[in-house]
Amino acid sequence: MTVEQDKLDRFLFEDRNVRGELVKLRDSYKAILDSYKYPPIIQDLLGELMAAACLLTATLKFKGEVSLQIQSEGLVKYVVINGTHDQKLRGVARWNEQFKLPSTFSALFSKGFLAITLAPEEGERYQGIVALDKETLAECLEDYFLQSEQLLTKVSLKTQRNDDGVSAGGMLLQVIPETSETSQAHENSDFDHLGYLMDTLKDDELFSLPTEQILHRLFHDEKVRLFEPQAVEFSCDCSKQRSATALQNVSKADLLEIVAEEGAVVMNCQFCHQEYRFDAIDVESIHADNIATDEVKH
C-alpha cells in the first residue's frame, strides 16, 4: 500500500471542542537536505522545524508567511524554515562545523531562542519569542501557543531515516476558542484525554499508514471529520534576476574588480544553494541607466 506523502491533513472532533492537524513530508524534506551535507542531528532539527511550520501555517487565518527561526550562542547558530499559507517551504541551517555535535535537542543551543514571525500579505507582522529551555522542540511550541495565543496545544514532531529515505512529520491538537476574548488555557479533560491518545502514536505508524487509519487507531471511539488534504512542497523563489537586483547596491567599479580578479561575481542562494554568475557584460547591464533587471543575461 502506497501512503501519500508531502501533504497536510486537517481534522475536527465533532463532539469535542478540539481540532487537529497531521503532516507527512518526504520529497519536500529531502529537497532541503539535498542542498547541503547536514549531519543527522541537524537533519532531524530541520525536519521537525519543517513539520512545525506546516502545522503553524495551517492555523493561520490569512494569506502570508510564517518563519520559524532559531538563534543561539551554542554550536547551532542559526536555523530557519519559511513556510507560506499554501504550504511552500524552504530552509537552511548554520552551525559550528569544527566541533562534534551533541545528540540531544537541548544540548545544541546556548542562550537559544525560537522566533516565530507571522507576516500576512495585508496587515502588520507579528513576532513571538520562545526560549529553547525544554527537552524538545514540540514542548517549546506548546509553550508558544499557551503564552501567545492562550490556547491549550499538543504537538508531536518526528523524523525517520531508513532504507526508503528520509521522512518528517508531526501532529497537532488544539482547543478551539469559543470566542476571540475567551482564554482556552485552563484545564480541559477532553483535551487531556485526546492528548494522551495522541502520545501513543508510533513513528512507523505515522510514516507508513494513511491518515484515515492513523486517526481510527488513535481515536476510534471519537467522531472525527477529516477535511481535504493540502499538498506540501519545497519551493525557493530565488532567481538570477533577484540576485541582479541585490547587486545594484554594490558599485559597478567594485563588481568589475571582482570579475577581473575571479572571473565572475558569484551569488549563492542560502536556501537551495543555486549558484548565479555575473560576468562583466552582466555588471554593465545591472548598472545601466533605466534598464530592467529582467534584461540581465540568463
C-alpha atoms as a PDB file:
ATOM      1  CA  MET A   1       0.000   0.000   0.000  1.00  0.00           C
ATOM      2  CA  THR A   2       1.388   3.410  -1.011  1.00  0.00           C
ATOM      3  CA  VAL A   3       0.936   6.082   1.622  1.00  0.00           C
ATOM      4  CA  GLU A   4       0.614   9.601   0.292  1.00  0.00           C
ATOM      5  CA  GLN A   5       3.418  11.875   1.495  1.00  0.00           C
ATOM      6  CA  ASP A   6       4.024  15.632   1.399  1.00  0.00           C
ATOM      7  CA  LYS A   7       0.538  16.508   2.492  1.00  0.00           C
ATOM      8  CA  LEU A   8      -1.200  18.166   5.406  1.00  0.00           C
ATOM      9  CA  ASP A   9      -4.480  16.864   6.789  1.00  0.00           C
ATOM     10  CA  ARG A  10      -6.862  18.828   8.988  1.00  0.00           C
ATOM     11  CA  PHE A  11      -9.486  17.175  11.147  1.00  0.00           C
ATOM     12  CA  LEU A  12     -12.091  18.059  13.742  1.00  0.00           C
ATOM     13  CA  PHE A  13     -13.582  16.181  16.676  1.00  0.00           C
ATOM     14  CA  GLU A  14     -17.331  16.543  16.166  1.00  0.00           C
ATOM     15  CA  ASP A  15     -18.254  16.080  19.826  1.00  0.00           C
ATOM     16  CA  ARG A  16     -15.277  17.846  21.384  1.00  0.00           C
ATOM     17  CA  ASN A  17     -14.107  21.438  21.227  1.00  0.00           C
ATOM     18  CA  VAL A  18     -10.806  20.308  19.674  1.00  0.00           C
ATOM     19  CA  ARG A  19      -9.264  20.462  16.214  1.00  0.00           C
ATOM     20  CA  GLY A  20      -6.220  18.695  14.789  1.00  0.00           C
ATOM     21  CA  GLU A  21      -3.649  18.505  12.003  1.00  0.00           C
ATOM     22  CA  LEU A  22      -1.331  15.813  10.723  1.00  0.00           C
ATOM     23  CA  VAL A  23       1.528  16.307   8.253  1.00  0.00           C
ATOM     24  CA  LYS A  24       3.869  13.904   6.434  1.00  0.00           C
ATOM     25  CA  LEU A  25       6.916  15.076   4.488  1.00  0.00           C
ATOM     26  CA  ARG A  26       9.287  13.205   2.225  1.00  0.00           C
ATOM     27  CA  ASP A  27      10.249  14.828  -1.111  1.00  0.00           C
ATOM     28  CA  SER A  28       9.965  18.356   0.323  1.00  0.00           C
ATOM     29  CA  TYR A  29      12.148  17.336   3.270  1.00  0.00           C
ATOM     30  CA  LYS A  30      14.684  15.582   1.043  1.00  0.00           C
ATOM     31  CA  ALA A  31      14.948  18.678  -1.181  1.00  0.00           C
ATOM     32  CA  ILE A  32      16.229  20.731   1.750  1.00  0.00           C
ATOM     33  CA  LEU A  33      18.630  18.015   2.906  1.00  0.00           C
ATOM     34  CA  ASP A  34      19.992  17.577  -0.632  1.00  0.00           C
ATOM     35  CA  SER A  35      21.170  21.190  -0.713  1.00  0.00           C
ATOM     36  CA  TYR A  36      23.917  20.630   1.874  1.00  0.00           C
ATOM     37  CA  LYS A  37      25.668  17.821   3.762  1.00  0.00           C
ATOM     38  CA  TYR A  38      23.841  18.126   7.074  1.00  0.00           C
ATOM     39  CA  PRO A  39      24.774  15.801   9.966  1.00  0.00           C
ATOM     40  CA  PRO A  40      21.957  13.584  11.335  1.00  0.00           C
ATOM     41  CA  ILE A  41      21.061  15.774  14.336  1.00  0.00           C
ATOM     42  CA  ILE A  42      20.723  18.838  12.066  1.00  0.00           C
ATOM     43  CA  GLN A  43      18.664  16.787   9.602  1.00  0.00           C
ATOM     44  CA  ASP A  44      16.319  15.919  12.451  1.00  0.00           C
ATOM     45  CA  LEU A  45      16.121  19.538  13.568  1.00  0.00           C
ATOM     46  CA  LEU A  46      15.302  20.752  10.044  1.00  0.00           C
ATOM     47  CA  GLY A  47      12.673  18.024   9.649  1.00  0.00           C
ATOM     48  CA  GLU A  48      10.978  18.894  12.919  1.00  0.00           C
ATOM     49  CA  LEU A  49      11.004  22.606  12.055  1.00  0.00           C
ATOM     50  CA  MET A  50       9.525  21.854   8.623  1.00  0.00           C
ATOM     51  CA  ALA A  51       6.716  19.820  10.144  1.00  0.00           C
ATOM     52  CA  ALA A  52       6.161  22.542  12.749  1.00  0.00           C
ATOM     53  CA  ALA A  53       5.985  25.229  10.038  1.00  0.00           C
ATOM     54  CA  CYS A  54       3.307  23.226   8.212  1.00  0.00           C
ATOM     55  CA  LEU A  55       1.269  22.817  11.400  1.00  0.00           C
ATOM     56  CA  LEU A  56       1.577  26.524  12.242  1.00  0.00           C
ATOM     57  CA  THR A  57       0.692  27.810   8.776  1.00  0.00           C
ATOM     58  CA  ALA A  58      -2.397  25.613   8.863  1.00  0.00           C
ATOM     59  CA  THR A  59      -3.599  27.621  11.871  1.00  0.00           C
ATOM     60  CA  LEU A  60      -3.298  30.942  10.026  1.00  0.00           C
ATOM     61  CA  LYS A  61      -6.441  32.857   9.119  1.00  0.00           C
ATOM     62  CA  PHE A  62      -4.707  34.908   6.432  1.00  0.00           C
ATOM     63  CA  LYS A  63      -2.610  34.641   3.290  1.00  0.00           C
ATOM     64  CA  GLY A  64       1.040  35.153   4.041  1.00  0.00           C
ATOM     65  CA  GLU A  65       4.133  33.536   5.503  1.00  0.00           C
ATOM     66  CA  VAL A  66       5.374  32.091   8.757  1.00  0.00           C
ATOM     67  CA  SER A  67       9.049  31.954   9.681  1.00  0.00           C
ATOM     68  CA  LEU A  68      10.481  29.694  12.381  1.00  0.00           C
ATOM     69  CA  GLN A  69      13.977  30.917  13.205  1.00  0.00           C
ATOM     70  CA  ILE A  70      16.300  29.509  15.848  1.00  0.00           C
ATOM     71  CA  GLN A  71      19.243  31.594  17.031  1.00  0.00           C
ATOM     72  CA  SER A  72      21.782  30.526  19.615  1.00  0.00           C
ATOM     73  CA  GLU A  73      25.242  31.161  21.039  1.00  0.00           C
ATOM     74  CA  GLY A  74      25.877  27.415  21.097  1.00  0.00           C
ATOM     75  CA  LEU A  75      27.122  25.055  18.405  1.00  0.00           C
ATOM     76  CA  VAL A  76      23.996  25.614  16.326  1.00  0.00           C
ATOM     77  CA  LYS A  77      23.993  29.289  15.391  1.00  0.00           C
ATOM     78  CA  TYR A  78      21.055  29.683  13.054  1.00  0.00           C
ATOM     79  CA  VAL A  79      18.243  27.542  11.649  1.00  0.00           C
ATOM     80  CA  VAL A  80      15.279  28.884   9.707  1.00  0.00           C
ATOM     81  CA  ILE A  81      12.283  27.403   7.939  1.00  0.00           C
ATOM     82  CA  ASN A  82       9.994  29.666   5.943  1.00  0.00           C
ATOM     83  CA  GLY A  83       6.504  28.487   5.009  1.00  0.00           C
ATOM     84  CA  THR A  84       3.554  30.029   3.178  1.00  0.00           C
ATOM     85  CA  HIS A  85      -0.194  29.673   3.663  1.00  0.00           C
ATOM     86  CA  ASP A  86      -0.238  27.356   0.621  1.00  0.00           C
ATOM     87  CA  GLN A  87       2.396  25.088   2.201  1.00  0.00           C
ATOM     88  CA  LYS A  88       5.512  26.003   0.242  1.00  0.00           C
ATOM     89  CA  LEU A  89       8.628  25.513   2.365  1.00  0.00           C
ATOM     90  CA  ARG A  90      12.325  26.333   2.272  1.00  0.00           C
ATOM     91  CA  GLY A  91      15.012  26.330   4.951  1.00  0.00           C
ATOM     92  CA  VAL A  92      18.662  26.336   5.941  1.00  0.00           C
ATOM     93  CA  ALA A  93      20.874  25.682   8.972  1.00  0.00           C
ATOM     94  CA  ARG A  94      24.235  27.021  10.098  1.00  0.00           C
ATOM     95  CA  TRP A  95      26.373  25.503  12.847  1.00  0.00           C
ATOM     96  CA  ASN A  96      29.964  25.321  14.022  1.00  0.00           C
ATOM     97  CA  GLU A  97      31.346  22.548  11.849  1.00  0.00           C
ATOM     98  CA  GLN A  98      34.648  22.369  13.736  1.00  0.00           C
ATOM     99  CA  PHE A  99      33.124  20.532  16.702  1.00  0.00           C
ATOM    100  CA  LYS A 100      31.212  17.308  17.140  1.00  0.00           C
ATOM    101  CA  LEU A 101      27.535  17.970  17.674  1.00  0.00           C
ATOM    102  CA  PRO A 102      25.645  16.544  20.675  1.00  0.00           C
ATOM    103  CA  SER A 103      22.859  14.019  20.198  1.00  0.00           C
ATOM    104  CA  THR A 104      20.030  15.824  22.009  1.00  0.00           C
ATOM    105  CA  PHE A 105      17.935  18.850  21.100  1.00  0.00           C
ATOM    106  CA  SER A 106      18.560  20.834  24.286  1.00  0.00           C
ATOM    107  CA  ALA A 107      22.354  20.413  24.107  1.00  0.00           C
ATOM    108  CA  LEU A 108      22.548  22.040  20.665  1.00  0.00           C
ATOM    109  CA  PHE A 109      21.913  25.546  21.969  1.00  0.00           C
ATOM    110  CA  SER A 110      23.272  28.053  24.438  1.00  0.00           C
ATOM    111  CA  LYS A 111      21.027  31.016  25.240  1.00  0.00           C
ATOM    112  CA  GLY A 112      18.899  29.844  22.335  1.00  0.00           C
ATOM    113  CA  PHE A 113      15.501  31.114  21.338  1.00  0.00           C
ATOM    114  CA  LEU A 114      12.894  30.442  18.677  1.00  0.00           C
ATOM    115  CA  ALA A 115      11.427  33.440  16.882  1.00  0.00           C
ATOM    116  CA  ILE A 116       8.077  32.788  15.196  1.00  0.00           C
ATOM    117  CA  THR A 117       7.209  35.534  12.727  1.00  0.00           C
ATOM    118  CA  LEU A 118       3.788  35.808  11.099  1.00  0.00           C
ATOM    119  CA  ALA A 119       3.792  38.011   8.005  1.00  0.00           C
ATOM    120  CA  PRO A 120       0.383  38.464   6.345  1.00  0.00           C
ATOM    121  CA  GLU A 121       0.192  39.788   2.792  1.00  0.00           C
ATOM    122  CA  GLU A 122      -2.047  42.511   4.183  1.00  0.00           C
ATOM    123  CA  GLY A 123      -1.641  43.826   7.697  1.00  0.00           C
ATOM    124  CA  GLU A 124       1.085  44.043  10.308  1.00  0.00           C
ATOM    125  CA  ARG A 125       3.769  41.488  11.075  1.00  0.00           C
ATOM    126  CA  TYR A 126       3.738  39.741  14.427  1.00  0.00           C
ATOM    127  CA  GLN A 127       6.645  38.033  16.164  1.00  0.00           C
ATOM    128  CA  GLY A 128       6.670  35.785  19.189  1.00  0.00           C
ATOM    129  CA  ILE A 129       9.849  34.723  21.015  1.00  0.00           C
ATOM    130  CA  VAL A 130      10.107  31.381  22.781  1.00  0.00           C
ATOM    131  CA  ALA A 131      13.052  30.252  24.903  1.00  0.00           C
ATOM    132  CA  LEU A 132      14.579  26.917  23.915  1.00  0.00           C
ATOM    133  CA  ASP A 133      14.541  25.709  27.504  1.00  0.00           C
ATOM    134  CA  LYS A 134      12.627  22.447  27.007  1.00  0.00           C
ATOM    135  CA  GLU A 135      13.812  18.964  26.115  1.00  0.00           C
ATOM    136  CA  THR A 136      12.119  19.017  22.688  1.00  0.00           C
ATOM    137  CA  LEU A 137      11.072  21.484  20.023  1.00  0.00           C
ATOM    138  CA  ALA A 138       7.488  20.237  20.370  1.00  0.00           C
ATOM    139  CA  GLU A 139       7.383  21.296  24.026  1.00  0.00           C
ATOM    140  CA  CYS A 140       8.746  24.738  23.120  1.00  0.00           C
ATOM    141  CA  LEU A 141       5.954  25.171  20.562  1.00  0.00           C
ATOM    142  CA  GLU A 142       3.328  24.139  23.089  1.00  0.00           C
ATOM    143  CA  ASP A 143       4.638  26.928  25.329  1.00  0.00           C
ATOM    144  CA  TYR A 144       4.387  29.371  22.418  1.00  0.00           C
ATOM    145  CA  PHE A 145       0.687  28.673  21.897  1.00  0.00           C
ATOM    146  CA  LEU A 146      -0.003  28.814  25.627  1.00  0.00           C
ATOM    147  CA  GLN A 147       1.823  32.132  26.091  1.00  0.00           C
ATOM    148  CA  SER A 148       0.926  33.980  22.894  1.00  0.00           C
ATOM    149  CA  GLU A 149      -2.456  32.510  21.974  1.00  0.00           C
ATOM    150  CA  GLN A 150      -3.709  31.329  25.352  1.00  0.00           C
ATOM    151  CA  LEU A 151      -4.616  28.013  23.720  1.00  0.00           C
ATOM    152  CA  LEU A 152      -4.012  24.513  25.020  1.00  0.00           C
ATOM    153  CA  THR A 153      -1.997  22.818  22.273  1.00  0.00           C
ATOM    154  CA  LYS A 154      -0.417  19.388  21.974  1.00  0.00           C
ATOM    155  CA  VAL A 155       2.422  18.965  19.455  1.00  0.00           C
ATOM    156  CA  SER A 156       4.279  15.857  18.300  1.00  0.00           C
ATOM    157  CA  LEU A 157       7.207  16.071  15.852  1.00  0.00           C
ATOM    158  CA  LYS A 158       9.026  13.082  14.352  1.00  0.00           C
ATOM    159  CA  THR A 159      11.720  12.242  11.807  1.00  0.00           C
ATOM    160  CA  GLN A 160      12.827   8.919  10.351  1.00  0.00           C
ATOM    161  CA  ARG A 161      15.761   7.694   8.278  1.00  0.00           C
ATOM    162  CA  ASN A 162      15.804   4.214   6.767  1.00  0.00           C
ATOM    163  CA  ASP A 163      16.487   2.359   3.503  1.00  0.00           C
ATOM    164  CA  ASP A 164      13.456   4.056   1.928  1.00  0.00           C
ATOM    165  CA  GLY A 165      14.882   7.525   2.544  1.00  0.00           C
ATOM    166  CA  VAL A 166      14.070  10.320   4.976  1.00  0.00           C
ATOM    167  CA  SER A 167      10.717  11.366   6.385  1.00  0.00           C
ATOM    168  CA  ALA A 168       9.500  14.066   8.725  1.00  0.00           C
ATOM    169  CA  GLY A 169       6.084  14.663  10.162  1.00  0.00           C
ATOM    170  CA  GLY A 170       4.008  15.759  13.047  1.00  0.00           C
ATOM    171  CA  MET A 171       0.641  16.109  14.665  1.00  0.00           C
ATOM    172  CA  LEU A 172      -1.108  18.938  16.473  1.00  0.00           C
ATOM    173  CA  LEU A 173      -4.196  19.044  18.677  1.00  0.00           C
ATOM    174  CA  GLN A 174      -5.627  22.370  19.800  1.00  0.00           C
ATOM    175  CA  VAL A 175      -8.611  23.582  21.780  1.00  0.00           C
ATOM    176  CA  ILE A 176     -10.951  25.663  19.605  1.00  0.00           C
ATOM    177  CA  PRO A 177     -11.520  29.152  21.071  1.00  0.00           C
ATOM    178  CA  GLU A 178     -15.161  29.748  21.955  1.00  0.00           C
ATOM    179  CA  THR A 179     -14.769  33.482  21.334  1.00  0.00           C
ATOM    180  CA  SER A 180     -11.875  35.775  20.479  1.00  0.00           C
ATOM    181  CA  GLU A 181     -11.866  37.032  24.083  1.00  0.00           C
ATOM    182  CA  THR A 182     -12.075  33.636  25.788  1.00  0.00           C
ATOM    183  CA  SER A 183      -8.909  32.042  27.116  1.00  0.00           C
ATOM    184  CA  GLN A 184      -8.607  28.343  26.403  1.00  0.00           C
ATOM    185  CA  ALA A 185      -5.564  27.800  28.601  1.00  0.00           C
ATOM    186  CA  HIS A 186      -7.447  26.350  31.566  1.00  0.00           C
ATOM    187  CA  GLU A 187      -7.670  22.645  32.353  1.00  0.00           C
ATOM    188  CA  ASN A 188      -9.705  20.643  29.861  1.00  0.00           C
ATOM    189  CA  SER A 189     -10.377  16.940  30.482  1.00  0.00           C
ATOM    190  CA  ASP A 190     -11.476  16.324  26.868  1.00  0.00           C
ATOM    191  CA  PHE A 191      -8.239  17.790  25.549  1.00  0.00           C
ATOM    192  CA  ASP A 192      -6.124  15.884  28.083  1.00  0.00           C
ATOM    193  CA  HIS A 193      -7.776  12.602  27.058  1.00  0.00           C
ATOM    194  CA  LEU A 194      -7.195  13.192  23.343  1.00  0.00           C
ATOM    195  CA  GLY A 195      -3.604  14.300  24.005  1.00  0.00           C
ATOM    196  CA  TYR A 196      -2.965  11.081  25.933  1.00  0.00           C
ATOM    197  CA  LEU A 197      -4.193   9.054  22.939  1.00  0.00           C
ATOM    198  CA  MET A 198      -2.074  11.138  20.561  1.00  0.00           C
ATOM    199  CA  ASP A 199       1.040  10.270  22.607  1.00  0.00           C
ATOM    200  CA  THR A 200       0.567   6.611  21.689  1.00  0.00           C
ATOM    201  CA  LEU A 201       1.295   7.319  18.002  1.00  0.00           C
ATOM    202  CA  LYS A 202       4.438   5.448  16.934  1.00  0.00           C
ATOM    203  CA  ASP A 203       6.923   6.638  14.311  1.00  0.00           C
ATOM    204  CA  ASP A 204       6.262   3.692  11.997  1.00  0.00           C
ATOM    205  CA  GLU A 205       2.516   4.327  12.178  1.00  0.00           C
ATOM    206  CA  LEU A 206       2.888   7.996  11.262  1.00  0.00           C
ATOM    207  CA  PHE A 207       5.055   7.318   8.222  1.00  0.00           C
ATOM    208  CA  SER A 208       3.552   4.056   6.955  1.00  0.00           C
ATOM    209  CA  LEU A 209      -0.209   4.360   7.489  1.00  0.00           C
ATOM    210  CA  PRO A 210      -2.811   6.527   5.711  1.00  0.00           C
ATOM    211  CA  THR A 211      -4.181   9.394   7.775  1.00  0.00           C
ATOM    212  CA  GLU A 212      -7.621   7.805   7.972  1.00  0.00           C
ATOM    213  CA  GLN A 213      -6.150   4.673   9.513  1.00  0.00           C
ATOM    214  CA  ILE A 214      -3.998   6.646  11.949  1.00  0.00           C
ATOM    215  CA  LEU A 215      -6.987   8.622  13.190  1.00  0.00           C
ATOM    216  CA  HIS A 216      -9.055   5.446  13.546  1.00  0.00           C
ATOM    217  CA  ARG A 217      -6.313   3.714  15.546  1.00  0.00           C
ATOM    218  CA  LEU A 218      -5.831   6.663  17.864  1.00  0.00           C
ATOM    219  CA  PHE A 219      -9.395   7.920  18.225  1.00  0.00           C
ATOM    220  CA  HIS A 220     -11.668   5.012  17.277  1.00  0.00           C
ATOM    221  CA  ASP A 221     -14.218   5.996  19.946  1.00  0.00           C
ATOM    222  CA  GLU A 222     -14.428   9.566  18.628  1.00  0.00           C
ATOM    223  CA  LYS A 223     -16.408  11.078  15.777  1.00  0.00           C
ATOM    224  CA  VAL A 224     -13.693  12.656  13.603  1.00  0.00           C
ATOM    225  CA  ARG A 225     -14.309  14.751  10.496  1.00  0.00           C
ATOM    226  CA  LEU A 226     -11.367  14.700   8.075  1.00  0.00           C
ATOM    227  CA  PHE A 227     -11.055  17.541   5.548  1.00  0.00           C
ATOM    228  CA  GLU A 228      -9.455  17.575   2.098  1.00  0.00           C
ATOM    229  CA  PRO A 229      -5.641  17.316   2.276  1.00  0.00           C
ATOM    230  CA  GLN A 230      -3.323  20.123   1.222  1.00  0.00           C
ATOM    231  CA  ALA A 231      -0.147  19.430  -0.755  1.00  0.00           C
ATOM    232  CA  VAL A 232       3.220  20.468   0.714  1.00  0.00           C
ATOM    233  CA  GLU A 233       6.276  21.221  -1.406  1.00  0.00           C
ATOM    234  CA  PHE A 234       9.768  22.651  -1.261  1.00  0.00           C
ATOM    235  CA  SER A 235       9.902  25.969  -3.089  1.00  0.00           C
ATOM    236  CA  CYS A 236      12.632  28.555  -3.373  1.00  0.00           C
ATOM    237  CA  ASP A 237      11.892  31.861  -5.115  1.00  0.00           C
ATOM    238  CA  CYS A 238      15.498  32.758  -5.833  1.00  0.00           C
ATOM    239  CA  SER A 239      16.451  33.756  -9.393  1.00  0.00           C
ATOM    240  CA  LYS A 240      19.238  35.433 -11.308  1.00  0.00           C
ATOM    241  CA  GLN A 241      17.013  38.464 -11.629  1.00  0.00           C
ATOM    242  CA  ARG A 242      16.642  38.761  -7.838  1.00  0.00           C
ATOM    243  CA  SER A 243      20.394  38.380  -7.408  1.00  0.00           C
ATOM    244  CA  ALA A 244      20.989  41.072 -10.016  1.00  0.00           C
ATOM    245  CA  THR A 245      18.663  43.415  -8.142  1.00  0.00           C
ATOM    246  CA  ALA A 246      20.666  42.844  -4.954  1.00  0.00           C
ATOM    247  CA  LEU A 247      23.897  43.643  -6.798  1.00  0.00           C
ATOM    248  CA  GLN A 248      22.530  47.058  -7.761  1.00  0.00           C
ATOM    249  CA  ASN A 249      23.509  48.110  -4.226  1.00  0.00           C
ATOM    250  CA  VAL A 250      27.176  47.394  -4.962  1.00  0.00           C
ATOM    251  CA  SER A 251      29.154  49.877  -7.047  1.00  0.00           C
ATOM    252  CA  LYS A 252      29.957  48.940 -10.627  1.00  0.00           C
ATOM    253  CA  ALA A 253      33.662  49.519 -10.014  1.00  0.00           C
ATOM    254  CA  ASP A 254      33.698  47.042  -7.112  1.00  0.00           C
ATOM    255  CA  LEU A 255      31.821  44.433  -9.144  1.00  0.00           C
ATOM    256  CA  LEU A 256      34.129  44.819 -12.149  1.00  0.00           C
ATOM    257  CA  GLU A 257      37.127  44.455  -9.852  1.00  0.00           C
ATOM    258  CA  ILE A 258      35.743  41.126  -8.599  1.00  0.00           C
ATOM    259  CA  VAL A 259      35.174  39.994 -12.197  1.00  0.00           C
ATOM    260  CA  ALA A 260      38.741  40.935 -13.113  1.00  0.00           C
ATOM    261  CA  GLU A 261      40.189  39.036 -10.140  1.00  0.00           C
ATOM    262  CA  GLU A 262      37.894  35.989 -10.010  1.00  0.00           C
ATOM    263  CA  GLY A 263      36.325  35.767 -13.465  1.00  0.00           C
ATOM    264  CA  ALA A 264      32.782  36.456 -12.283  1.00  0.00           C
ATOM    265  CA  VAL A 265      30.674  37.722  -9.420  1.00  0.00           C
ATOM    266  CA  VAL A 266      29.135  34.631  -7.835  1.00  0.00           C
ATOM    267  CA  MET A 267      25.908  34.726  -5.794  1.00  0.00           C
ATOM    268  CA  ASN A 268      24.685  31.648  -3.920  1.00  0.00           C
ATOM    269  CA  CYS A 269      21.163  31.167  -2.571  1.00  0.00           C
ATOM    270  CA  GLN A 270      21.361  30.272   1.117  1.00  0.00           C
ATOM    271  CA  PHE A 271      18.239  28.085   0.854  1.00  0.00           C
ATOM    272  CA  CYS A 272      18.743  25.954  -2.254  1.00  0.00           C
ATOM    273  CA  HIS A 273      22.463  26.733  -2.891  1.00  0.00           C
ATOM    274  CA  GLN A 274      21.746  27.598  -6.517  1.00  0.00           C
ATOM    275  CA  GLU A 275      24.706  29.494  -7.982  1.00  0.00           C
ATOM    276  CA  TYR A 276      24.294  32.610 -10.136  1.00  0.00           C
ATOM    277  CA  ARG A 277      27.303  34.017 -12.018  1.00  0.00           C
ATOM    278  CA  PHE A 278      27.669  37.536 -13.385  1.00  0.00           C
ATOM    279  CA  ASP A 279      30.378  38.498 -15.892  1.00  0.00           C
ATOM    280  CA  ALA A 280      31.448  41.988 -16.992  1.00  0.00           C
ATOM    281  CA  ILE A 281      28.599  42.290 -19.503  1.00  0.00           C
ATOM    282  CA  ASP A 282      26.110  41.415 -16.761  1.00  0.00           C
ATOM    283  CA  VAL A 283      27.614  44.040 -14.465  1.00  0.00           C
ATOM    284  CA  GLU A 284      27.318  46.715 -17.148  1.00  0.00           C
ATOM    285  CA  SER A 285      23.693  45.695 -17.691  1.00  0.00           C
ATOM    286  CA  ILE A 286      22.884  45.753 -13.966  1.00  0.00           C
ATOM    287  CA  HIS A 287      24.144  49.309 -13.611  1.00  0.00           C
ATOM    288  CA  ALA A 288      22.915  50.685 -16.939  1.00  0.00           C
ATOM    289  CA  ASP A 289      20.536  53.597 -16.606  1.00  0.00           C
ATOM    290  CA  ASN A 290      16.816  52.746 -16.772  1.00  0.00           C
ATOM    291  CA  ILE A 291      17.401  49.131 -17.738  1.00  0.00           C
ATOM    292  CA  ALA A 292      15.003  46.486 -16.487  1.00  0.00           C
ATOM    293  CA  THR A 293      16.519  43.776 -14.340  1.00  0.00           C
ATOM    294  CA  ASP A 294      14.894  41.107 -16.479  1.00  0.00           C
ATOM    295  CA  GLU A 295      17.277  42.089 -19.255  1.00  0.00           C
ATOM    296  CA  VAL A 296      20.138  40.586 -17.287  1.00  0.00           C
ATOM    297  CA  LYS A 297      21.624  37.730 -19.267  1.00  0.00           C
ATOM    298  CA  HIS A 298      20.401  34.255 -18.247  1.00  0.00           C
END
